[in-house]
Amino acid sequence: MATAMAISSIILALTMGFLFYLEIHKINKQVLEIQEQIHFLSNEVNKLKHQAKKKYYSNSKGKQVIQG
């Protein structure tokens, strides 16, 4: 009887450990997806900054500075 309880305790511990591993794996996958999204958004922001700079400088070149 004690052997059966010990075996079932070991099986329960292994099952809990495996479920914990699966949960951590799922969280790690979500973290990687979030990192990819952050990288993509960072690139988009940099593109927009570059476009804004180009637009600003092209607009400022067309204006004449009046000195007086």
PDB file of N, CA and C in Angstrom:
ATOM      1  N   MET A   1       0.825  -1.201   0.000  1.00  0.00           N
ATOM      2  CA  MET A   1       0.000   0.000   0.000  1.00  0.00           C
ATOM      3  C   MET A   1       0.867   1.262   0.000  1.00  0.00           C
ATOM      4  N   ALA A   2       1.913   1.227   0.824  1.00  0.00           N
ATOM      5  CA  ALA A   2       2.795   2.395   0.895  1.00  0.00           C
ATOM      6  C   ALA A   2       3.521   2.591  -0.430  1.00  0.00           C
ATOM      7  N   THR A   3       3.851   1.481  -1.087  1.00  0.00           N
ATOM      8  CA  THR A   3       4.536   1.564  -2.371  1.00  0.00           C
ATOM      9  C   THR A   3       3.621   2.199  -3.422  1.00  0.00           C
ATOM     10  N   ALA A   4       2.356   1.817  -3.404  1.00  0.00           N
ATOM     11  CA  ALA A   4       1.399   2.386  -4.355  1.00  0.00           C
ATOM     12  C   ALA A   4       1.223   3.878  -4.127  1.00  0.00           C
ATOM     13  N   MET A   5       1.198   4.302  -2.871  1.00  0.00           N
ATOM     14  CA  MET A   5       1.065   5.738  -2.555  1.00  0.00           C
ATOM     15  C   MET A   5       2.321   6.494  -2.991  1.00  0.00           C
ATOM     16  N   ALA A   6       3.477   5.874  -2.799  1.00  0.00           N
ATOM     17  CA  ALA A   6       4.725   6.519  -3.210  1.00  0.00           C
ATOM     18  C   ALA A   6       4.771   6.657  -4.723  1.00  0.00           C
ATOM     19  N   ILE A   7       4.358   5.602  -5.420  1.00  0.00           N
ATOM     20  CA  ILE A   7       4.363   5.658  -6.885  1.00  0.00           C
ATOM     21  C   ILE A   7       3.386   6.722  -7.375  1.00  0.00           C
ATOM     22  N   SER A   8       2.200   6.769  -6.772  1.00  0.00           N
ATOM     23  CA  SER A   8       1.238   7.767  -7.235  1.00  0.00           C
ATOM     24  C   SER A   8       1.700   9.178  -6.878  1.00  0.00           C
ATOM     25  N   SER A   9       2.424   9.354  -5.790  1.00  0.00           N
ATOM     26  CA  SER A   9       2.991  10.669  -5.451  1.00  0.00           C
ATOM     27  C   SER A   9       4.046  11.082  -6.471  1.00  0.00           C
ATOM     28  N   ILE A  10       4.864  10.122  -6.887  1.00  0.00           N
ATOM     29  CA  ILE A  10       5.902  10.404  -7.889  1.00  0.00           C
ATOM     30  C   ILE A  10       5.257  10.767  -9.221  1.00  0.00           C
ATOM     31  N   ILE A  11       4.231  10.009  -9.612  1.00  0.00           N
ATOM     32  CA  ILE A  11       3.541  10.304 -10.869  1.00  0.00           C
ATOM     33  C   ILE A  11       2.907  11.688 -10.810  1.00  0.00           C
ATOM     34  N   LEU A  12       2.282  12.007  -9.683  1.00  0.00           N
ATOM     35  CA  LEU A  12       1.666  13.331  -9.517  1.00  0.00           C
ATOM     36  C   LEU A  12       2.724  14.426  -9.610  1.00  0.00           C
ATOM     37  N   ALA A  13       3.866  14.230  -8.971  1.00  0.00           N
ATOM     38  CA  ALA A  13       4.946  15.228  -9.010  1.00  0.00           C
ATOM     39  C   ALA A  13       5.473  15.396 -10.430  1.00  0.00           C
ATOM     40  N   LEU A  14       5.653  14.292 -11.146  1.00  0.00           N
ATOM     41  CA  LEU A  14       6.131  14.372 -12.530  1.00  0.00           C
ATOM     42  C   LEU A  14       5.111  15.082 -13.423  1.00  0.00           C
ATOM     43  N   THR A  15       3.839  14.778 -13.222  1.00  0.00           N
ATOM     44  CA  THR A  15       2.785  15.427 -14.008  1.00  0.00           C
ATOM     45  C   THR A  15       2.754  16.923 -13.742  1.00  0.00           C
ATOM     46  N   MET A  16       2.849  17.296 -12.485  1.00  0.00           N
ATOM     47  CA  MET A  16       2.846  18.722 -12.123  1.00  0.00           C
ATOM     48  C   MET A  16       4.070  19.425 -12.725  1.00  0.00           C
ATOM     49  N   GLY A  17       5.219  18.763 -12.668  1.00  0.00           N
ATOM     50  CA  GLY A  17       6.433  19.335 -13.242  1.00  0.00           C
ATOM     51  C   GLY A  17       6.307  19.513 -14.747  1.00  0.00           C
ATOM     52  N   PHE A  18       5.708  18.540 -15.412  1.00  0.00           N
ATOM     53  CA  PHE A  18       5.536  18.629 -16.860  1.00  0.00           C
ATOM     54  C   PHE A  18       4.565  19.749 -17.214  1.00  0.00           C
ATOM     55  N   LEU A  19       3.471  19.861 -16.461  1.00  0.00           N
ATOM     56  CA  LEU A  19       2.511  20.937 -16.713  1.00  0.00           C
ATOM     57  C   LEU A  19       3.162  22.305 -16.476  1.00  0.00           C
ATOM     58  N   PHE A  20       4.002  22.401 -15.457  1.00  0.00           N
ATOM     59  CA  PHE A  20       4.723  23.642 -15.177  1.00  0.00           C
ATOM     60  C   PHE A  20       5.657  23.981 -16.346  1.00  0.00           C
ATOM     61  N   TYR A  21       6.356  22.960 -16.860  1.00  0.00           N
ATOM     62  CA  TYR A  21       7.242  23.143 -18.012  1.00  0.00           C
ATOM     63  C   TYR A  21       6.456  23.651 -19.221  1.00  0.00           C
ATOM     64  N   LEU A  22       5.291  23.053 -19.486  1.00  0.00           N
ATOM     65  CA  LEU A  22       4.477  23.469 -20.624  1.00  0.00           C
ATOM     66  C   LEU A  22       4.029  24.919 -20.479  1.00  0.00           C
ATOM     67  N   GLU A  23       3.669  25.306 -19.267  1.00  0.00           N
ATOM     68  CA  GLU A  23       3.227  26.688 -19.022  1.00  0.00           C
ATOM     69  C   GLU A  23       4.376  27.665 -19.265  1.00  0.00           C
ATOM     70  N   ILE A  24       5.560  27.325 -18.790  1.00  0.00           N
ATOM     71  CA  ILE A  24       6.728  28.192 -19.000  1.00  0.00           C
ATOM     72  C   ILE A  24       7.066  28.273 -20.483  1.00  0.00           C
ATOM     73  N   HIS A  25       6.958  27.162 -21.190  1.00  0.00           N
ATOM     74  CA  HIS A  25       7.222  27.147 -22.628  1.00  0.00           C
ATOM     75  C   HIS A  25       6.245  28.074 -23.355  1.00  0.00           C
ATOM     76  N   LYS A  26       4.974  28.026 -22.951  1.00  0.00           N
ATOM     77  CA  LYS A  26       3.958  28.877 -23.569  1.00  0.00           C
ATOM     78  C   LYS A  26       4.261  30.362 -23.300  1.00  0.00           C
ATOM     79  N   ILE A  27       4.674  30.663 -22.077  1.00  0.00           N
ATOM     80  CA  ILE A  27       5.001  32.054 -21.720  1.00  0.00           C
ATOM     81  C   ILE A  27       6.217  32.526 -22.512  1.00  0.00           C
ATOM     82  N   ASN A  28       7.229  31.667 -22.646  1.00  0.00           N
ATOM     83  CA  ASN A  28       8.416  32.041 -23.421  1.00  0.00           C
ATOM     84  C   ASN A  28       8.063  32.327 -24.872  1.00  0.00           C
ATOM     85  N   LYS A  29       7.153  31.532 -25.432  1.00  0.00           N
ATOM     86  CA  LYS A  29       6.722  31.741 -26.808  1.00  0.00           C
ATOM     87  C   LYS A  29       6.015  33.101 -26.937  1.00  0.00           C
ATOM     88  N   GLN A  30       5.182  33.434 -25.957  1.00  0.00           N
ATOM     89  CA  GLN A  30       4.493  34.728 -25.974  1.00  0.00           C
ATOM     90  C   GLN A  30       5.496  35.878 -25.870  1.00  0.00           C
ATOM     91  N   VAL A  31       6.513  35.705 -25.035  1.00  0.00           N
ATOM     92  CA  VAL A  31       7.545  36.735 -24.885  1.00  0.00           C
ATOM     93  C   VAL A  31       8.271  36.953 -26.210  1.00  0.00           C
ATOM     94  N   LEU A  32       8.601  35.877 -26.904  1.00  0.00           N
ATOM     95  CA  LEU A  32       9.274  36.005 -28.194  1.00  0.00           C
ATOM     96  C   LEU A  32       8.390  36.727 -29.211  1.00  0.00           C
ATOM     97  N   GLU A  33       7.092  36.425 -29.198  1.00  0.00           N
ATOM     98  CA  GLU A  33       6.173  37.113 -30.110  1.00  0.00           C
ATOM     99  C   GLU A  33       6.108  38.608 -29.795  1.00  0.00           C
ATOM    100  N   ILE A  34       6.080  38.938 -28.518  1.00  0.00           N
ATOM    101  CA  ILE A  34       6.040  40.350 -28.112  1.00  0.00           C
ATOM    102  C   ILE A  34       7.328  41.048 -28.525  1.00  0.00           C
ATOM    103  N   GLN A  35       8.466  40.378 -28.364  1.00  0.00           N
ATOM    104  CA  GLN A  35       9.739  40.964 -28.780  1.00  0.00           C
ATOM    105  C   GLN A  35       9.756  41.233 -30.286  1.00  0.00           C
ATOM    106  N   GLU A  36       9.192  40.311 -31.064  1.00  0.00           N
ATOM    107  CA  GLU A  36       9.121  40.514 -32.512  1.00  0.00           C
ATOM    108  C   GLU A  36       8.241  41.718 -32.849  1.00  0.00           C
ATOM    109  N   GLN A  37       7.121  41.858 -32.126  1.00  0.00           N
ATOM    110  CA  GLN A  37       6.223  42.995 -32.359  1.00  0.00           C
ATOM    111  C   GLN A  37       6.903  44.312 -32.003  1.00  0.00           C
ATOM    112  N   ILE A  38       7.639  44.314 -30.899  1.00  0.00           N
ATOM    113  CA  ILE A  38       8.365  45.526 -30.490  1.00  0.00           C
ATOM    114  C   ILE A  38       9.401  45.893 -31.545  1.00  0.00           C
ATOM    115  N   HIS A  39      10.116  44.910 -32.047  1.00  0.00           N
ATOM    116  CA  HIS A  39      11.124  45.156 -33.082  1.00  0.00           C
ATOM    117  C   HIS A  39      10.472  45.738 -34.333  1.00  0.00           C
ATOM    118  N   PHE A  40       9.341  45.150 -34.746  1.00  0.00           N
ATOM    119  CA  PHE A  40       8.634  45.636 -35.922  1.00  0.00           C
ATOM    120  C   PHE A  40       8.174  47.087 -35.708  1.00  0.00           C
ATOM    121  N   LEU A  41       7.565  47.356 -34.551  1.00  0.00           N
ATOM    122  CA  LEU A  41       7.070  48.711 -34.284  1.00  0.00           C
ATOM    123  C   LEU A  41       8.213  49.720 -34.197  1.00  0.00           C
ATOM    124  N   SER A  42       9.333  49.303 -33.634  1.00  0.00           N
ATOM    125  CA  SER A  42      10.493  50.183 -33.556  1.00  0.00           C
ATOM    126  C   SER A  42      10.976  50.547 -34.958  1.00  0.00           C
ATOM    127  N   ASN A  43      11.004  49.567 -35.852  1.00  0.00           N
ATOM    128  CA  ASN A  43      11.392  49.846 -37.237  1.00  0.00           C
ATOM    129  C   ASN A  43      10.410  50.797 -37.902  1.00  0.00           C
ATOM    130  N   GLU A  44       9.117  50.614 -37.644  1.00  0.00           N
ATOM    131  CA  GLU A  44       8.106  51.501 -38.221  1.00  0.00           C
ATOM    132  C   GLU A  44       8.277  52.928 -37.714  1.00  0.00           C
ATOM    133  N   VAL A  45       8.556  53.083 -36.421  1.00  0.00           N
ATOM    134  CA  VAL A  45       8.778  54.410 -35.854  1.00  0.00           C
ATOM    135  C   VAL A  45       9.994  55.063 -36.501  1.00  0.00           C
ATOM    136  N   ASN A  46      11.057  54.294 -36.680  1.00  0.00           N
ATOM    137  CA  ASN A  46      12.266  54.840 -37.313  1.00  0.00           C
ATOM    138  C   ASN A  46      11.991  55.275 -38.753  1.00  0.00           C
ATOM    139  N   LYS A  47      11.170  54.487 -39.471  1.00  0.00           N
ATOM    140  CA  LYS A  47      10.803  54.876 -40.841  1.00  0.00           C
ATOM    141  C   LYS A  47      10.033  56.200 -40.833  1.00  0.00           C
ATOM    142  N   LEU A  48       9.094  56.323 -39.905  1.00  0.00           N
ATOM    143  CA  LEU A  48       8.299  57.550 -39.825  1.00  0.00           C
ATOM    144  C   LEU A  48       9.172  58.754 -39.455  1.00  0.00           C
ATOM    145  N   LYS A  49      10.116  58.554 -38.556  1.00  0.00           N
ATOM    146  CA  LYS A  49      11.041  59.640 -38.199  1.00  0.00           C
ATOM    147  C   LYS A  49      11.840  60.077 -39.421  1.00  0.00           C
ATOM    148  N   HIS A  50      12.311  59.102 -40.178  1.00  0.00           N
ATOM    149  CA  HIS A  50      13.107  59.398 -41.375  1.00  0.00           C
ATOM    150  C   HIS A  50      12.264  60.166 -42.393  1.00  0.00           C
ATOM    151  N   GLN A  51      11.017  59.722 -42.584  1.00  0.00           N
ATOM    152  CA  GLN A  51      10.128  60.418 -43.512  1.00  0.00           C
ATOM    153  C   GLN A  51       9.859  61.845 -43.052  1.00  0.00           C
ATOM    154  N   ALA A  52       9.649  62.009 -41.741  1.00  0.00           N
ATOM    155  CA  ALA A  52       9.381  63.346 -41.206  1.00  0.00           C
ATOM    156  C   ALA A  52      10.581  64.262 -41.405  1.00  0.00           C
ATOM    157  N   LYS A  53      11.788  63.736 -41.187  1.00  0.00           N
ATOM    158  CA  LYS A  53      12.992  64.542 -41.399  1.00  0.00           C
ATOM    159  C   LYS A  53      13.114  64.963 -42.857  1.00  0.00           C
ATOM    160  N   LYS A  54      12.894  64.001 -43.762  1.00  0.00           N
ATOM    161  CA  LYS A  54      12.984  64.317 -45.184  1.00  0.00           C
ATOM    162  C   LYS A  54      11.963  65.392 -45.559  1.00  0.00           C
ATOM    163  N   LYS A  55      10.750  65.256 -45.046  1.00  0.00           N
ATOM    164  CA  LYS A  55       9.704  66.213 -45.359  1.00  0.00           C
ATOM    165  C   LYS A  55      10.040  67.590 -44.787  1.00  0.00           C
ATOM    166  N   TYR A  56      10.541  67.605 -43.546  1.00  0.00           N
ATOM    167  CA  TYR A  56      10.900  68.871 -42.903  1.00  0.00           C
ATOM    168  C   TYR A  56      11.997  69.588 -43.692  1.00  0.00           C
ATOM    169  N   TYR A  57      13.044  68.835 -44.053  1.00  0.00           N
ATOM    170  CA  TYR A  57      14.157  69.464 -44.771  1.00  0.00           C
ATOM    171  C   TYR A  57      13.765  69.876 -46.181  1.00  0.00           C
ATOM    172  N   SER A  58      12.886  69.112 -46.820  1.00  0.00           N
ATOM    173  CA  SER A  58      12.455  69.514 -48.161  1.00  0.00           C
ATOM    174  C   SER A  58      11.581  70.764 -48.080  1.00  0.00           C
ATOM    175  N   ASN A  59      10.800  70.893 -47.014  1.00  0.00           N
ATOM    176  CA  ASN A  59       9.982  72.102 -46.831  1.00  0.00           C
ATOM    177  C   ASN A  59      10.840  73.311 -46.463  1.00  0.00           C
ATOM    178  N   SER A  60      11.867  73.103 -45.645  1.00  0.00           N
ATOM    179  CA  SER A  60      12.691  74.222 -45.211  1.00  0.00           C
ATOM    180  C   SER A  60      13.594  74.720 -46.329  1.00  0.00           C
ATOM    181  N   LYS A  61      13.948  73.873 -47.288  1.00  0.00           N
ATOM    182  CA  LYS A  61      14.773  74.299 -48.411  1.00  0.00           C
ATOM    183  C   LYS A  61      13.994  75.211 -49.353  1.00  0.00           C
ATOM    184  N   GLY A  62      12.682  75.018 -49.430  1.00  0.00           N
ATOM    185  CA  GLY A  62      11.860  75.831 -50.325  1.00  0.00           C
ATOM    186  C   GLY A  62      11.609  77.227 -49.780  1.00  0.00           C
ATOM    187  N   LYS A  63      11.814  77.438 -48.503  1.00  0.00           N
ATOM    188  CA  LYS A  63      11.555  78.745 -47.897  1.00  0.00           C
ATOM    189  C   LYS A  63      12.821  79.613 -47.956  1.00  0.00           C
ATOM    190  N   GLN A  64      12.621  80.868 -48.178  1.00  0.00           N
ATOM    191  CA  GLN A  64      13.752  81.781 -48.169  1.00  0.00           C
ATOM    192  C   GLN A  64      13.817  82.495 -46.827  1.00  0.00           C
ATOM    193  N   VAL A  65      15.009  82.628 -46.363  1.00  0.00           N
ATOM    194  CA  VAL A  65      15.194  83.306 -45.083  1.00  0.00           C
ATOM    195  C   VAL A  65      15.384  84.795 -45.371  1.00  0.00           C
ATOM    196  N   ILE A  66      14.568  85.603 -44.710  1.00  0.00           N
ATOM    197  CA  ILE A  66      14.663  87.053 -44.904  1.00  0.00           C
ATOM    198  C   ILE A  66      15.490  87.620 -43.759  1.00  0.00           C
ATOM    199  N   GLN A  67      16.588  88.212 -44.133  1.00  0.00           N
ATOM    200  CA  GLN A  67      17.442  88.825 -43.115  1.00  0.00           C
ATOM    201  C   GLN A  67      17.197  90.318 -43.108  1.00  0.00           C
ATOM    202  N   GLY A  68      17.174  90.875 -41.934  1.00  0.00           N
ATOM    203  CA  GLY A  68      16.924  92.290 -41.921  1.00  0.00           C
ATOM    204  C   GLY A  68      17.521  92.907 -40.796  1.00  0.00           C
TER     205      GLY A  68
END
